[in-house]
Amino acid sequence: MEIFVQQLINGLVLGSIYALVALGYTMVYGILELINFAHGEVTMMGAMVALTVIGLLLGLNPELPGLLVVLAGVLIAVPACMLLAFAIEKVAYRPLRRAPRLAPLITAIGVSIVLQNAAMLIWGRQYISFPQILPQMSFTVLGAHVTSLQIFIVLLCMTMMAGLWWLVQKTRLGRAMRATAQSKEVAMLMGVDIDRVISATFVIGAALAAIAGVLVSAYYGLAHYYMGFMLGLKAFSAAVLGGIGNIAGAMLGGLLLGIIEALGAGYIGDFTGGFLGSHYQDVFAFFVLILVLVFRPSGLLGERVASRA
C-alpha cells in the first residue's frame, strides 16, 4: 500500500509538470493546427536561463535566501522564454501560415534542433546541478513520504492551470483566442487581430513552459541541453491523450500520464519478474500514446481544432 501511495504522489507531481507543458502544445494546435515541436526546447531554455541566474546570484552572495534566488531566476527565465517564443512564431511560423502543413512541421523540428545546439554551445554538454538551496521538509502520508517541494510543485501547477482556464474563459483575450480557434476569417471580420492573438498564445505557453522547466530541474536536481526533447514528447503525448487542442484535456492527460508512468515504474519489476527495471518508465508514455491513437484518436475529452472557412 505504501508503494502504491508513494508512486501515486510521484505521478501526481510529474503529471502536473507534464500538464503545464502540454498546455503550450494544445493551445497552439487549437488555433493553428500546428505541432510546435520546439516547445520542449523552450522549456529547457527556461531551466537553463534560471540556473544561470541562480548561479550568478549565489556567486555574488552565497548567503542570499534560497527562495529569493530561485524566484529571481524564474523572473528572468519567464520573459526570456516569452521573447524567444515570440521570435520563433514571427520568424519561423508566421511566414508559413498558408503553406502546406508539412512545411511548418519540418520547420518546428528544425527550430527544435537549432535550440538544442544553441543551448549546447552556450552551456556545454555537461549536466548542470540545481543548487540545494530550497527548504526541504518531509511529511508522511499513509506511509509514503511527501516533500515540501512536491507539494509546492503540485499547488503551483494547479494554480497556474486554473489561472489559464480563467484567462481563456473570462477575459477579452481569451474570447479572442476562442474566436480565432473557431474561425480565423470570421474573427478577423469581427475586428480580432489574429496575429496578436496567435503571438499571445505562443507567449503564454512559453511562460508556462519556462516555469515548468525550473520546476522539473528543481525536482530532479539537474538540467541538460537535451532535457526538453523527452519532456516535450511526453507533454505532447499528454496533450494527445486528453484531446489535442482541448485545454481541459491537456490538464487531464498530463495528470493521467504522470500517474500511469509512475505506477508503471513502481510495478514493472514485479510484472516482468525483474526483467525490466524502473528506468523503462519512458516506455509507458509512448505505449499510452499508441493506444490512444489506435482506439481513440480524438483523445479522452475530444479534439478541438480551428475550423476551415
C-alpha atoms as a PDB file:
ATOM      1  CA  MET A   1       0.000   0.000   0.000  1.00  0.00           C
ATOM      2  CA  GLU A   2       2.848   2.365   0.851  1.00  0.00           C
ATOM      3  CA  ILE A   3       4.465   1.780  -2.551  1.00  0.00           C
ATOM      4  CA  PHE A   4       1.187   2.476  -4.335  1.00  0.00           C
ATOM      5  CA  VAL A   5       0.616   5.747  -2.451  1.00  0.00           C
ATOM      6  CA  GLN A   6       4.245   6.805  -2.968  1.00  0.00           C
ATOM      7  CA  GLN A   7       4.079   6.187  -6.717  1.00  0.00           C
ATOM      8  CA  LEU A   8       0.715   7.929  -6.876  1.00  0.00           C
ATOM      9  CA  ILE A   9       2.224  11.017  -5.271  1.00  0.00           C
ATOM     10  CA  ASN A  10       5.246  10.895  -7.574  1.00  0.00           C
ATOM     11  CA  GLY A  11       2.932  10.532 -10.557  1.00  0.00           C
ATOM     12  CA  LEU A  12       0.832  13.486  -9.493  1.00  0.00           C
ATOM     13  CA  VAL A  13       3.949  15.657  -9.296  1.00  0.00           C
ATOM     14  CA  LEU A  14       5.223  14.535 -12.695  1.00  0.00           C
ATOM     15  CA  GLY A  15       1.758  14.770 -14.209  1.00  0.00           C
ATOM     16  CA  SER A  16       1.359  18.358 -13.028  1.00  0.00           C
ATOM     17  CA  ILE A  17       4.551  19.305 -14.844  1.00  0.00           C
ATOM     18  CA  TYR A  18       3.542  17.382 -17.968  1.00  0.00           C
ATOM     19  CA  ALA A  19       0.179  19.155 -17.942  1.00  0.00           C
ATOM     20  CA  LEU A  20       1.836  22.558 -17.673  1.00  0.00           C
ATOM     21  CA  VAL A  21       3.997  21.879 -20.720  1.00  0.00           C
ATOM     22  CA  ALA A  22       1.157  20.163 -22.618  1.00  0.00           C
ATOM     23  CA  LEU A  23      -0.930  23.341 -22.395  1.00  0.00           C
ATOM     24  CA  GLY A  24       1.523  25.073 -24.713  1.00  0.00           C
ATOM     25  CA  TYR A  25       1.150  22.326 -27.318  1.00  0.00           C
ATOM     26  CA  THR A  26      -2.624  22.208 -27.111  1.00  0.00           C
ATOM     27  CA  MET A  27      -3.193  25.994 -27.246  1.00  0.00           C
ATOM     28  CA  VAL A  28      -1.063  26.385 -30.360  1.00  0.00           C
ATOM     29  CA  TYR A  29      -2.651  23.380 -32.060  1.00  0.00           C
ATOM     30  CA  GLY A  30      -6.144  24.565 -31.197  1.00  0.00           C
ATOM     31  CA  ILE A  31      -5.558  27.814 -33.066  1.00  0.00           C
ATOM     32  CA  LEU A  32      -3.059  26.938 -35.824  1.00  0.00           C
ATOM     33  CA  GLU A  33      -3.320  23.134 -36.115  1.00  0.00           C
ATOM     34  CA  LEU A  34       0.458  23.183 -35.682  1.00  0.00           C
ATOM     35  CA  ILE A  35       2.503  20.837 -33.501  1.00  0.00           C
ATOM     36  CA  ASN A  36       5.146  23.140 -32.084  1.00  0.00           C
ATOM     37  CA  PHE A  37       7.912  20.601 -31.545  1.00  0.00           C
ATOM     38  CA  ALA A  38      10.207  23.398 -30.360  1.00  0.00           C
ATOM     39  CA  HIS A  39       8.075  23.856 -27.229  1.00  0.00           C
ATOM     40  CA  GLY A  40      10.087  21.301 -25.268  1.00  0.00           C
ATOM     41  CA  GLU A  41      13.261  23.218 -26.043  1.00  0.00           C
ATOM     42  CA  VAL A  42      11.635  26.425 -24.780  1.00  0.00           C
ATOM     43  CA  THR A  43      11.080  24.554 -21.509  1.00  0.00           C
ATOM     44  CA  MET A  44      14.749  23.583 -21.484  1.00  0.00           C
ATOM     45  CA  MET A  45      15.798  27.177 -22.139  1.00  0.00           C
ATOM     46  CA  GLY A  46      13.745  28.309 -19.152  1.00  0.00           C
ATOM     47  CA  ALA A  47      15.596  25.879 -16.882  1.00  0.00           C
ATOM     48  CA  MET A  48      18.998  26.843 -18.270  1.00  0.00           C
ATOM     49  CA  VAL A  49      18.443  30.592 -18.006  1.00  0.00           C
ATOM     50  CA  ALA A  50      17.089  30.273 -14.474  1.00  0.00           C
ATOM     51  CA  LEU A  51      20.047  28.139 -13.370  1.00  0.00           C
ATOM     52  CA  THR A  52      22.451  30.647 -14.893  1.00  0.00           C
ATOM     53  CA  VAL A  53      20.848  33.500 -12.940  1.00  0.00           C
ATOM     54  CA  ILE A  54      20.785  31.406  -9.761  1.00  0.00           C
ATOM     55  CA  GLY A  55      24.471  30.570 -10.167  1.00  0.00           C
ATOM     56  CA  LEU A  56      25.402  34.215 -10.727  1.00  0.00           C
ATOM     57  CA  LEU A  57      23.471  35.396  -7.661  1.00  0.00           C
ATOM     58  CA  LEU A  58      24.949  32.713  -5.428  1.00  0.00           C
ATOM     59  CA  GLY A  59      28.392  33.580  -6.749  1.00  0.00           C
ATOM     60  CA  LEU A  60      27.877  37.189  -5.742  1.00  0.00           C
ATOM     61  CA  ASN A  61      26.384  36.392  -2.341  1.00  0.00           C
ATOM     62  CA  PRO A  62      26.070  32.768  -1.154  1.00  0.00           C
ATOM     63  CA  GLU A  63      24.071  33.916   1.887  1.00  0.00           C
ATOM     64  CA  LEU A  64      21.048  35.041  -0.116  1.00  0.00           C
ATOM     65  CA  PRO A  65      17.783  33.261   0.798  1.00  0.00           C
ATOM     66  CA  GLY A  66      17.215  30.278  -1.459  1.00  0.00           C
ATOM     67  CA  LEU A  67      13.602  31.082  -2.281  1.00  0.00           C
ATOM     68  CA  LEU A  68      14.542  34.634  -3.264  1.00  0.00           C
ATOM     69  CA  VAL A  69      17.334  33.383  -5.529  1.00  0.00           C
ATOM     70  CA  VAL A  70      15.070  30.871  -7.286  1.00  0.00           C
ATOM     71  CA  LEU A  71      12.347  33.497  -7.675  1.00  0.00           C
ATOM     72  CA  ALA A  72      14.866  35.841  -9.295  1.00  0.00           C
ATOM     73  CA  GLY A  73      15.852  33.063 -11.701  1.00  0.00           C
ATOM     74  CA  VAL A  74      12.206  32.466 -12.617  1.00  0.00           C
ATOM     75  CA  LEU A  75      11.560  36.193 -13.108  1.00  0.00           C
ATOM     76  CA  ILE A  76      14.394  36.313 -15.659  1.00  0.00           C
ATOM     77  CA  ALA A  77      13.653  32.979 -17.315  1.00  0.00           C
ATOM     78  CA  VAL A  78       9.954  33.654 -17.955  1.00  0.00           C
ATOM     79  CA  PRO A  79      10.330  36.865 -20.022  1.00  0.00           C
ATOM     80  CA  ALA A  80      13.371  35.373 -21.790  1.00  0.00           C
ATOM     81  CA  CYS A  81      11.294  32.389 -22.929  1.00  0.00           C
ATOM     82  CA  MET A  82       8.368  34.629 -23.825  1.00  0.00           C
ATOM     83  CA  LEU A  83      10.629  36.697 -26.089  1.00  0.00           C
ATOM     84  CA  LEU A  84      12.080  33.516 -27.574  1.00  0.00           C
ATOM     85  CA  ALA A  85       8.622  32.120 -28.353  1.00  0.00           C
ATOM     86  CA  PHE A  86       7.503  35.446 -29.838  1.00  0.00           C
ATOM     87  CA  ALA A  87      10.549  35.449 -32.132  1.00  0.00           C
ATOM     88  CA  ILE A  88      10.015  31.817 -33.132  1.00  0.00           C
ATOM     89  CA  GLU A  89       6.398  32.440 -34.066  1.00  0.00           C
ATOM     90  CA  LYS A  90       7.158  35.607 -36.009  1.00  0.00           C
ATOM     91  CA  VAL A  91      10.249  34.379 -37.842  1.00  0.00           C
ATOM     92  CA  ALA A  92       9.694  30.642 -38.303  1.00  0.00           C
ATOM     93  CA  TYR A  93       5.927  30.038 -38.295  1.00  0.00           C
ATOM     94  CA  ARG A  94       4.115  33.190 -39.419  1.00  0.00           C
ATOM     95  CA  PRO A  95       5.578  33.214 -42.967  1.00  0.00           C
ATOM     96  CA  LEU A  96       4.415  29.596 -43.366  1.00  0.00           C
ATOM     97  CA  ARG A  97       0.888  30.099 -42.097  1.00  0.00           C
ATOM     98  CA  ARG A  98      -0.651  29.448 -45.521  1.00  0.00           C
ATOM     99  CA  ALA A  99       1.919  26.878 -46.595  1.00  0.00           C
ATOM    100  CA  PRO A 100       1.198  23.120 -46.806  1.00  0.00           C
ATOM    101  CA  ARG A 101       1.052  21.508 -43.370  1.00  0.00           C
ATOM    102  CA  LEU A 102       4.309  19.638 -43.829  1.00  0.00           C
ATOM    103  CA  ALA A 103       6.312  22.878 -44.131  1.00  0.00           C
ATOM    104  CA  PRO A 104       5.645  24.290 -40.623  1.00  0.00           C
ATOM    105  CA  LEU A 105       6.019  20.800 -39.135  1.00  0.00           C
ATOM    106  CA  ILE A 106       9.504  20.420 -40.619  1.00  0.00           C
ATOM    107  CA  THR A 107      10.279  23.985 -39.531  1.00  0.00           C
ATOM    108  CA  ALA A 108       9.241  23.170 -35.962  1.00  0.00           C
ATOM    109  CA  ILE A 109      11.596  20.191 -35.900  1.00  0.00           C
ATOM    110  CA  GLY A 110      14.348  22.398 -37.319  1.00  0.00           C
ATOM    111  CA  VAL A 111      13.795  25.073 -34.668  1.00  0.00           C
ATOM    112  CA  SER A 112      13.946  22.371 -32.006  1.00  0.00           C
ATOM    113  CA  ILE A 113      17.329  21.162 -33.276  1.00  0.00           C
ATOM    114  CA  VAL A 114      18.644  24.732 -33.528  1.00  0.00           C
ATOM    115  CA  LEU A 115      17.671  25.473 -29.920  1.00  0.00           C
ATOM    116  CA  GLN A 116      19.236  22.237 -28.691  1.00  0.00           C
ATOM    117  CA  ASN A 117      22.530  23.044 -30.381  1.00  0.00           C
ATOM    118  CA  ALA A 118      22.439  26.665 -29.264  1.00  0.00           C
ATOM    119  CA  ALA A 119      21.998  25.505 -25.664  1.00  0.00           C
ATOM    120  CA  MET A 120      24.855  23.025 -26.091  1.00  0.00           C
ATOM    121  CA  LEU A 121      27.145  25.801 -27.358  1.00  0.00           C
ATOM    122  CA  ILE A 122      26.194  28.177 -24.547  1.00  0.00           C
ATOM    123  CA  TRP A 123      26.028  25.807 -21.559  1.00  0.00           C
ATOM    124  CA  GLY A 124      28.017  22.806 -22.791  1.00  0.00           C
ATOM    125  CA  ARG A 125      27.179  19.106 -22.875  1.00  0.00           C
ATOM    126  CA  GLN A 126      27.515  18.502 -19.144  1.00  0.00           C
ATOM    127  CA  TYR A 127      24.651  18.290 -16.689  1.00  0.00           C
ATOM    128  CA  ILE A 128      24.085  21.425 -14.623  1.00  0.00           C
ATOM    129  CA  SER A 129      23.180  20.785 -10.998  1.00  0.00           C
ATOM    130  CA  PHE A 130      20.373  22.657  -9.317  1.00  0.00           C
ATOM    131  CA  PRO A 131      21.846  24.001  -6.035  1.00  0.00           C
ATOM    132  CA  GLN A 132      20.363  22.645  -2.815  1.00  0.00           C
ATOM    133  CA  ILE A 133      19.080  25.993  -1.598  1.00  0.00           C
ATOM    134  CA  LEU A 134      15.359  25.308  -1.257  1.00  0.00           C
ATOM    135  CA  PRO A 135      13.989  24.345   2.168  1.00  0.00           C
ATOM    136  CA  GLN A 136      13.359  20.615   2.336  1.00  0.00           C
ATOM    137  CA  MET A 137      10.712  19.289   4.695  1.00  0.00           C
ATOM    138  CA  SER A 138       9.269  15.800   4.598  1.00  0.00           C
ATOM    139  CA  PHE A 139       5.829  14.590   5.608  1.00  0.00           C
ATOM    140  CA  THR A 140       4.364  11.117   5.906  1.00  0.00           C
ATOM    141  CA  VAL A 141       1.025  10.359   4.231  1.00  0.00           C
ATOM    142  CA  LEU A 142      -0.321   6.800   4.541  1.00  0.00           C
ATOM    143  CA  GLY A 143       3.210   5.522   4.895  1.00  0.00           C
ATOM    144  CA  ALA A 144       4.522   7.470   1.876  1.00  0.00           C
ATOM    145  CA  HIS A 145       6.989  10.354   2.056  1.00  0.00           C
ATOM    146  CA  VAL A 146       5.999  13.715   0.599  1.00  0.00           C
ATOM    147  CA  THR A 147       8.438  16.607   0.420  1.00  0.00           C
ATOM    148  CA  SER A 148       7.626  20.281   0.629  1.00  0.00           C
ATOM    149  CA  LEU A 149       8.957  20.690  -2.936  1.00  0.00           C
ATOM    150  CA  GLN A 150       6.476  18.105  -4.249  1.00  0.00           C
ATOM    151  CA  ILE A 151       3.590  19.854  -2.517  1.00  0.00           C
ATOM    152  CA  PHE A 152       4.739  23.215  -3.871  1.00  0.00           C
ATOM    153  CA  ILE A 153       5.036  21.883  -7.438  1.00  0.00           C
ATOM    154  CA  VAL A 154       1.521  20.414  -7.431  1.00  0.00           C
ATOM    155  CA  LEU A 155      -0.067  23.504  -5.861  1.00  0.00           C
ATOM    156  CA  LEU A 156       1.737  25.906  -8.190  1.00  0.00           C
ATOM    157  CA  CYS A 157       0.866  23.891 -11.299  1.00  0.00           C
ATOM    158  CA  MET A 158      -2.781  23.598 -10.280  1.00  0.00           C
ATOM    159  CA  THR A 159      -2.946  27.333  -9.579  1.00  0.00           C
ATOM    160  CA  MET A 160      -1.422  28.191 -12.943  1.00  0.00           C
ATOM    161  CA  MET A 161      -3.728  25.800 -14.800  1.00  0.00           C
ATOM    162  CA  ALA A 162      -6.727  27.337 -13.041  1.00  0.00           C
ATOM    163  CA  GLY A 163      -5.428  30.800 -13.939  1.00  0.00           C
ATOM    164  CA  LEU A 164      -5.077  29.846 -17.594  1.00  0.00           C
ATOM    165  CA  TRP A 165      -8.592  28.405 -17.601  1.00  0.00           C
ATOM    166  CA  TRP A 166      -9.908  31.688 -16.176  1.00  0.00           C
ATOM    167  CA  LEU A 167      -7.947  33.700 -18.742  1.00  0.00           C
ATOM    168  CA  VAL A 168      -9.329  31.698 -21.663  1.00  0.00           C
ATOM    169  CA  GLN A 169     -12.912  31.626 -20.423  1.00  0.00           C
ATOM    170  CA  LYS A 170     -13.384  35.029 -18.749  1.00  0.00           C
ATOM    171  CA  THR A 171     -11.113  37.616 -20.341  1.00  0.00           C
ATOM    172  CA  ARG A 172     -11.233  39.568 -23.573  1.00  0.00           C
ATOM    173  CA  LEU A 173      -8.023  37.948 -24.786  1.00  0.00           C
ATOM    174  CA  GLY A 174      -9.489  34.534 -24.016  1.00  0.00           C
ATOM    175  CA  ARG A 175     -12.593  35.296 -26.055  1.00  0.00           C
ATOM    176  CA  ALA A 176     -10.382  36.401 -28.933  1.00  0.00           C
ATOM    177  CA  MET A 177      -8.389  33.181 -28.653  1.00  0.00           C
ATOM    178  CA  ARG A 178     -11.546  31.069 -28.722  1.00  0.00           C
ATOM    179  CA  ALA A 179     -12.909  33.051 -31.671  1.00  0.00           C
ATOM    180  CA  THR A 180      -9.648  32.627 -33.589  1.00  0.00           C
ATOM    181  CA  ALA A 181      -9.689  28.893 -32.854  1.00  0.00           C
ATOM    182  CA  GLN A 182     -13.237  28.639 -34.250  1.00  0.00           C
ATOM    183  CA  SER A 183     -12.539  30.564 -37.450  1.00  0.00           C
ATOM    184  CA  LYS A 184      -9.736  32.963 -38.241  1.00  0.00           C
ATOM    185  CA  GLU A 185     -11.654  34.578 -41.098  1.00  0.00           C
ATOM    186  CA  VAL A 186     -14.754  35.291 -39.046  1.00  0.00           C
ATOM    187  CA  ALA A 187     -12.647  36.530 -36.139  1.00  0.00           C
ATOM    188  CA  MET A 188     -10.913  38.998 -38.463  1.00  0.00           C
ATOM    189  CA  LEU A 189     -14.285  40.254 -39.694  1.00  0.00           C
ATOM    190  CA  MET A 190     -15.272  40.831 -36.057  1.00  0.00           C
ATOM    191  CA  GLY A 191     -12.197  43.019 -35.520  1.00  0.00           C
ATOM    192  CA  VAL A 192      -9.906  40.487 -33.851  1.00  0.00           C
ATOM    193  CA  ASP A 193      -6.205  40.967 -34.543  1.00  0.00           C
ATOM    194  CA  ILE A 194      -5.377  37.307 -35.127  1.00  0.00           C
ATOM    195  CA  ASP A 195      -1.626  37.953 -35.423  1.00  0.00           C
ATOM    196  CA  ARG A 196      -1.678  39.451 -31.943  1.00  0.00           C
ATOM    197  CA  VAL A 197      -3.790  36.583 -30.613  1.00  0.00           C
ATOM    198  CA  ILE A 198      -1.515  33.921 -32.083  1.00  0.00           C
ATOM    199  CA  SER A 199       1.575  35.655 -30.718  1.00  0.00           C
ATOM    200  CA  ALA A 200      -0.081  35.898 -27.306  1.00  0.00           C
ATOM    201  CA  THR A 201      -0.837  32.173 -27.417  1.00  0.00           C
ATOM    202  CA  PHE A 202       2.822  31.348 -28.048  1.00  0.00           C
ATOM    203  CA  VAL A 203       3.957  33.776 -25.353  1.00  0.00           C
ATOM    204  CA  ILE A 204       1.571  32.434 -22.704  1.00  0.00           C
ATOM    205  CA  GLY A 205       2.565  28.857 -23.494  1.00  0.00           C
ATOM    206  CA  ALA A 206       6.245  29.825 -23.242  1.00  0.00           C
ATOM    207  CA  ALA A 207       5.715  31.413 -19.821  1.00  0.00           C
ATOM    208  CA  LEU A 208       4.158  28.196 -18.536  1.00  0.00           C
ATOM    209  CA  ALA A 209       6.950  26.175 -20.143  1.00  0.00           C
ATOM    210  CA  ALA A 210       9.665  28.296 -18.506  1.00  0.00           C
ATOM    211  CA  ILE A 211       8.179  27.737 -15.065  1.00  0.00           C
ATOM    212  CA  ALA A 212       7.792  24.017 -15.808  1.00  0.00           C
ATOM    213  CA  GLY A 213      11.475  23.887 -16.797  1.00  0.00           C
ATOM    214  CA  VAL A 214      12.531  25.397 -13.475  1.00  0.00           C
ATOM    215  CA  LEU A 215      10.235  23.038 -11.574  1.00  0.00           C
ATOM    216  CA  VAL A 216      11.483  19.900 -13.298  1.00  0.00           C
ATOM    217  CA  SER A 217      15.132  20.890 -12.830  1.00  0.00           C
ATOM    218  CA  ALA A 218      14.485  21.615  -9.149  1.00  0.00           C
ATOM    219  CA  TYR A 219      12.655  18.291  -8.772  1.00  0.00           C
ATOM    220  CA  TYR A 220      15.372  16.168 -10.393  1.00  0.00           C
ATOM    221  CA  GLY A 221      18.234  18.397  -9.215  1.00  0.00           C
ATOM    222  CA  LEU A 222      19.770  18.976 -12.639  1.00  0.00           C
ATOM    223  CA  ALA A 223      19.287  20.383 -16.122  1.00  0.00           C
ATOM    224  CA  HIS A 224      20.728  19.490 -19.510  1.00  0.00           C
ATOM    225  CA  TYR A 225      20.617  20.872 -23.034  1.00  0.00           C
ATOM    226  CA  TYR A 226      18.750  17.739 -24.181  1.00  0.00           C
ATOM    227  CA  MET A 227      16.194  17.644 -21.352  1.00  0.00           C
ATOM    228  CA  GLY A 228      13.482  19.361 -23.371  1.00  0.00           C
ATOM    229  CA  PHE A 229      13.313  16.631 -26.013  1.00  0.00           C
ATOM    230  CA  MET A 230      11.935  13.817 -23.848  1.00  0.00           C
ATOM    231  CA  LEU A 231       9.887  16.188 -21.695  1.00  0.00           C
ATOM    232  CA  GLY A 232       8.354  17.685 -24.813  1.00  0.00           C
ATOM    233  CA  LEU A 233       7.475  14.285 -26.260  1.00  0.00           C
ATOM    234  CA  LYS A 234       5.799  13.234 -23.032  1.00  0.00           C
ATOM    235  CA  ALA A 235       3.884  16.506 -22.804  1.00  0.00           C
ATOM    236  CA  PHE A 236       2.784  16.080 -26.415  1.00  0.00           C
ATOM    237  CA  SER A 237       1.636  12.552 -25.551  1.00  0.00           C
ATOM    238  CA  ALA A 238      -0.324  14.025 -22.645  1.00  0.00           C
ATOM    239  CA  ALA A 239      -1.972  16.553 -24.956  1.00  0.00           C
ATOM    240  CA  VAL A 240      -2.957  13.796 -27.385  1.00  0.00           C
ATOM    241  CA  LEU A 241      -4.193  11.617 -24.526  1.00  0.00           C
ATOM    242  CA  GLY A 242      -6.534  14.323 -23.258  1.00  0.00           C
ATOM    243  CA  GLY A 243      -7.506  15.627 -26.687  1.00  0.00           C
ATOM    244  CA  ILE A 244      -5.175  17.868 -28.679  1.00  0.00           C
ATOM    245  CA  GLY A 245      -6.478  21.423 -28.811  1.00  0.00           C
ATOM    246  CA  ASN A 246      -8.533  20.897 -25.651  1.00  0.00           C
ATOM    247  CA  ILE A 247      -7.187  22.798 -22.626  1.00  0.00           C
ATOM    248  CA  ALA A 248      -9.028  20.688 -20.059  1.00  0.00           C
ATOM    249  CA  GLY A 249      -7.869  17.613 -21.956  1.00  0.00           C
ATOM    250  CA  ALA A 250      -4.220  18.680 -21.689  1.00  0.00           C
ATOM    251  CA  MET A 251      -4.584  19.063 -17.930  1.00  0.00           C
ATOM    252  CA  LEU A 252      -6.273  15.686 -17.563  1.00  0.00           C
ATOM    253  CA  GLY A 253      -3.878  13.975 -19.959  1.00  0.00           C
ATOM    254  CA  GLY A 254      -0.817  15.306 -18.163  1.00  0.00           C
ATOM    255  CA  LEU A 255      -2.012  14.139 -14.762  1.00  0.00           C
ATOM    256  CA  LEU A 256      -3.031  10.710 -16.069  1.00  0.00           C
ATOM    257  CA  LEU A 257       0.214  10.219 -17.964  1.00  0.00           C
ATOM    258  CA  GLY A 258       2.304  11.109 -14.923  1.00  0.00           C
ATOM    259  CA  ILE A 259       0.365   8.694 -12.713  1.00  0.00           C
ATOM    260  CA  ILE A 260       0.497   5.885 -15.304  1.00  0.00           C
ATOM    261  CA  GLU A 261       4.234   6.383 -15.756  1.00  0.00           C
ATOM    262  CA  ALA A 262       4.938   6.432 -12.015  1.00  0.00           C
ATOM    263  CA  LEU A 263       2.800   3.379 -11.283  1.00  0.00           C
ATOM    264  CA  GLY A 264       4.398   1.551 -14.187  1.00  0.00           C
ATOM    265  CA  ALA A 265       7.882   2.373 -12.920  1.00  0.00           C
ATOM    266  CA  GLY A 266       6.929   1.132  -9.458  1.00  0.00           C
ATOM    267  CA  TYR A 267       5.447  -2.175 -10.531  1.00  0.00           C
ATOM    268  CA  ILE A 268       7.139  -3.061 -13.819  1.00  0.00           C
ATOM    269  CA  GLY A 269       9.737  -5.140 -11.988  1.00  0.00           C
ATOM    270  CA  ASP A 270       7.046  -7.234 -10.329  1.00  0.00           C
ATOM    271  CA  PHE A 271       5.099  -7.658 -13.560  1.00  0.00           C
ATOM    272  CA  THR A 272       8.149  -8.816 -15.542  1.00  0.00           C
ATOM    273  CA  GLY A 273       9.817 -10.858 -12.820  1.00  0.00           C
ATOM    274  CA  GLY A 274      12.698  -8.397 -12.583  1.00  0.00           C
ATOM    275  CA  PHE A 275      13.423  -8.481 -16.329  1.00  0.00           C
ATOM    276  CA  LEU A 276      12.612  -4.766 -16.718  1.00  0.00           C
ATOM    277  CA  GLY A 277      13.505  -2.084 -14.174  1.00  0.00           C
ATOM    278  CA  SER A 278      12.083   1.311 -13.290  1.00  0.00           C
ATOM    279  CA  HIS A 279      14.374   3.006 -15.818  1.00  0.00           C
ATOM    280  CA  TYR A 280      11.993   1.717 -18.510  1.00  0.00           C
ATOM    281  CA  GLN A 281       9.322   4.134 -17.303  1.00  0.00           C
ATOM    282  CA  ASP A 282       9.548   6.193 -20.504  1.00  0.00           C
ATOM    283  CA  VAL A 283       8.086   3.231 -22.394  1.00  0.00           C
ATOM    284  CA  PHE A 284       4.729   3.785 -20.722  1.00  0.00           C
ATOM    285  CA  ALA A 285       4.286   7.319 -22.057  1.00  0.00           C
ATOM    286  CA  PHE A 286       4.649   6.214 -25.659  1.00  0.00           C
ATOM    287  CA  PHE A 287       2.745   2.980 -25.140  1.00  0.00           C
ATOM    288  CA  VAL A 288      -0.182   5.070 -23.905  1.00  0.00           C
ATOM    289  CA  LEU A 289       0.195   7.372 -26.917  1.00  0.00           C
ATOM    290  CA  ILE A 290      -0.004   4.402 -29.305  1.00  0.00           C
ATOM    291  CA  LEU A 291      -3.086   3.017 -27.569  1.00  0.00           C
ATOM    292  CA  VAL A 292      -4.850   6.377 -27.698  1.00  0.00           C
ATOM    293  CA  LEU A 293      -4.047   6.913 -31.363  1.00  0.00           C
ATOM    294  CA  VAL A 294      -5.337   3.425 -32.197  1.00  0.00           C
ATOM    295  CA  PHE A 295      -8.513   3.287 -30.101  1.00  0.00           C
ATOM    296  CA  ARG A 296      -9.452   6.948 -29.543  1.00  0.00           C
ATOM    297  CA  PRO A 297      -7.595   9.309 -31.893  1.00  0.00           C
ATOM    298  CA  SER A 298      -9.558  12.341 -30.664  1.00  0.00           C
ATOM    299  CA  GLY A 299      -8.385  11.847 -27.058  1.00  0.00           C
ATOM    300  CA  LEU A 300     -10.291  11.350 -23.836  1.00  0.00           C
ATOM    301  CA  LEU A 301     -12.122  14.687 -23.923  1.00  0.00           C
ATOM    302  CA  GLY A 302     -12.199  15.155 -27.686  1.00  0.00           C
ATOM    303  CA  GLU A 303     -10.161  17.192 -30.099  1.00  0.00           C
ATOM    304  CA  ARG A 304     -10.744  20.878 -30.750  1.00  0.00           C
ATOM    305  CA  VAL A 305      -9.283  22.432 -33.865  1.00  0.00           C
ATOM    306  CA  ALA A 306      -9.764  25.558 -35.874  1.00  0.00           C
ATOM    307  CA  SER A 307     -12.480  25.310 -38.474  1.00  0.00           C
ATOM    308  CA  ARG A 308     -11.548  25.783 -42.081  1.00  0.00           C
ATOM    309  CA  ALA A 309     -13.611  28.527 -43.605  1.00  0.00           C
END
